[in-house]
């Protein structure tokens, strides 16, 4: 399981700001637009990763591929169950 301590401190400092934006904007995604729950969770986690990376623009920070992966897995671990429940609630079998 990915934990905050696995993410560099300079990135963790921006997680709270990105967290609020992520929650708001991921609610705008329609889970039923995705073929599977995995596709939906993956897209949402990728979106959160992009939000965080975009928040670093202007700080002259370049992330290494494994740091980007750690951010992705952080969003996956942190929000996966919630997103799965949302998918099941709105798009599950009738």
Protein backbone atom coordinates (compact mmCIF):
# COMPACT_ATOMS: atom_id res chain seq x y z
CA UNK A 1 0.00 0.00 0.00
CA UNK A 2 1.32 3.42 -0.95
CA UNK A 3 1.68 5.81 1.93
CA UNK A 4 2.41 9.51 2.12
CA UNK A 5 5.89 8.81 3.44
CA UNK A 6 6.70 7.17 0.09
CA UNK A 7 6.16 10.53 -1.62
CA UNK A 8 8.82 13.26 -1.34
CA UNK A 9 8.09 16.01 1.16
CA UNK A 10 7.91 18.79 -1.45
CA UNK A 11 5.07 16.89 -3.12
CA UNK A 12 3.27 15.96 0.12
CA UNK A 13 3.02 19.65 0.94
CA UNK A 14 0.83 20.13 -2.12
CA UNK A 15 -1.40 17.11 -1.57
CA UNK A 16 -3.96 18.92 0.59
CA UNK A 17 -4.62 21.59 -2.03
CA UNK A 18 -4.80 19.01 -4.80
CA UNK A 19 -6.92 16.70 -2.64
CA UNK A 20 -9.73 19.28 -2.45
CA UNK A 21 -9.61 19.94 -6.21
CA UNK A 22 -9.51 16.21 -6.90
CA UNK A 23 -12.59 15.48 -4.80
CA UNK A 24 -14.54 18.26 -6.47
CA UNK A 25 -13.50 17.43 -10.03
CA UNK A 26 -13.67 13.64 -9.78
CA UNK A 27 -17.32 14.06 -8.81
CA UNK A 28 -17.78 15.57 -12.27
CA UNK A 29 -16.61 12.32 -13.92
CA UNK A 30 -19.45 10.02 -14.89
CA UNK A 31 -18.40 6.55 -13.78
CA UNK A 32 -20.79 4.97 -16.27
CA UNK A 33 -18.72 6.43 -19.13
CA UNK A 34 -16.12 3.75 -18.35
CA UNK A 35 -16.35 0.12 -19.39
CA UNK A 36 -15.15 -1.30 -16.07
CA UNK A 37 -14.69 -0.13 -12.51
CA UNK A 38 -10.93 -0.55 -13.00
CA UNK A 39 -10.97 1.82 -15.98
CA UNK A 40 -12.87 4.39 -13.93
CA UNK A 41 -10.55 4.16 -10.92
CA UNK A 42 -7.48 4.25 -13.15
CA UNK A 43 -8.72 7.34 -14.99
CA UNK A 44 -9.57 9.12 -11.75
CA UNK A 45 -6.17 8.26 -10.21
CA UNK A 46 -4.44 9.45 -13.36
CA UNK A 47 -6.45 12.64 -13.18
CA UNK A 48 -5.36 13.22 -9.58
CA UNK A 49 -1.74 12.61 -10.57
CA UNK A 50 -2.06 15.16 -13.37
CA UNK A 51 -3.56 17.70 -10.98
CA UNK A 52 -0.63 17.32 -8.61
CA UNK A 53 1.96 17.49 -11.38
CA UNK A 54 0.26 20.58 -12.79
CA UNK A 55 0.41 22.20 -9.35
CA UNK A 56 4.21 21.92 -9.49
CA UNK A 57 4.48 24.02 -12.65
CA UNK A 58 6.41 27.17 -11.92
CA UNK A 59 8.47 25.58 -9.16
CA UNK A 60 11.14 24.26 -11.55
CA UNK A 61 10.54 20.73 -10.29
CA UNK A 62 10.90 17.74 -12.57
CA UNK A 63 9.54 14.48 -11.27
CA UNK A 64 11.20 11.18 -11.95
CA UNK A 65 9.03 8.40 -13.41
CA UNK A 66 8.96 6.45 -10.14
CA UNK A 67 7.79 9.59 -8.30
CA UNK A 68 4.92 9.97 -10.75
CA UNK A 69 4.08 6.31 -10.24
CA UNK A 70 4.10 6.77 -6.45
CA UNK A 71 1.67 9.68 -6.78
CA UNK A 72 -0.62 7.60 -9.01
CA UNK A 73 -0.57 4.71 -6.53
CA UNK A 74 -1.23 7.11 -3.67
CA UNK A 75 -4.46 8.28 -5.35
CA UNK A 76 -5.32 4.68 -6.23
CA UNK A 77 -4.89 3.51 -2.63
CA UNK A 78 -6.48 6.57 -1.04
CA UNK A 79 -9.60 6.77 -3.21
CA UNK A 80 -9.97 3.36 -4.89
CA UNK A 81 -12.59 1.93 -2.54
CA UNK A 82 -14.67 5.11 -2.56
CA UNK A 83 -14.57 5.26 -6.35
CA UNK A 84 -15.44 1.56 -6.57
CA UNK A 85 -18.51 2.08 -4.38
CA UNK A 86 -19.56 5.06 -6.49
CA UNK A 87 -19.21 2.99 -9.67
CA UNK A 88 -21.23 0.13 -8.18
CA UNK A 89 -23.92 2.49 -6.93
CA UNK A 90 -24.46 4.28 -10.25
CA UNK A 91 -23.43 1.69 -12.83
CA UNK A 92 -23.93 -1.69 -11.19
CA UNK A 93 -26.29 -4.30 -12.59
CA UNK A 94 -29.93 -3.39 -12.33
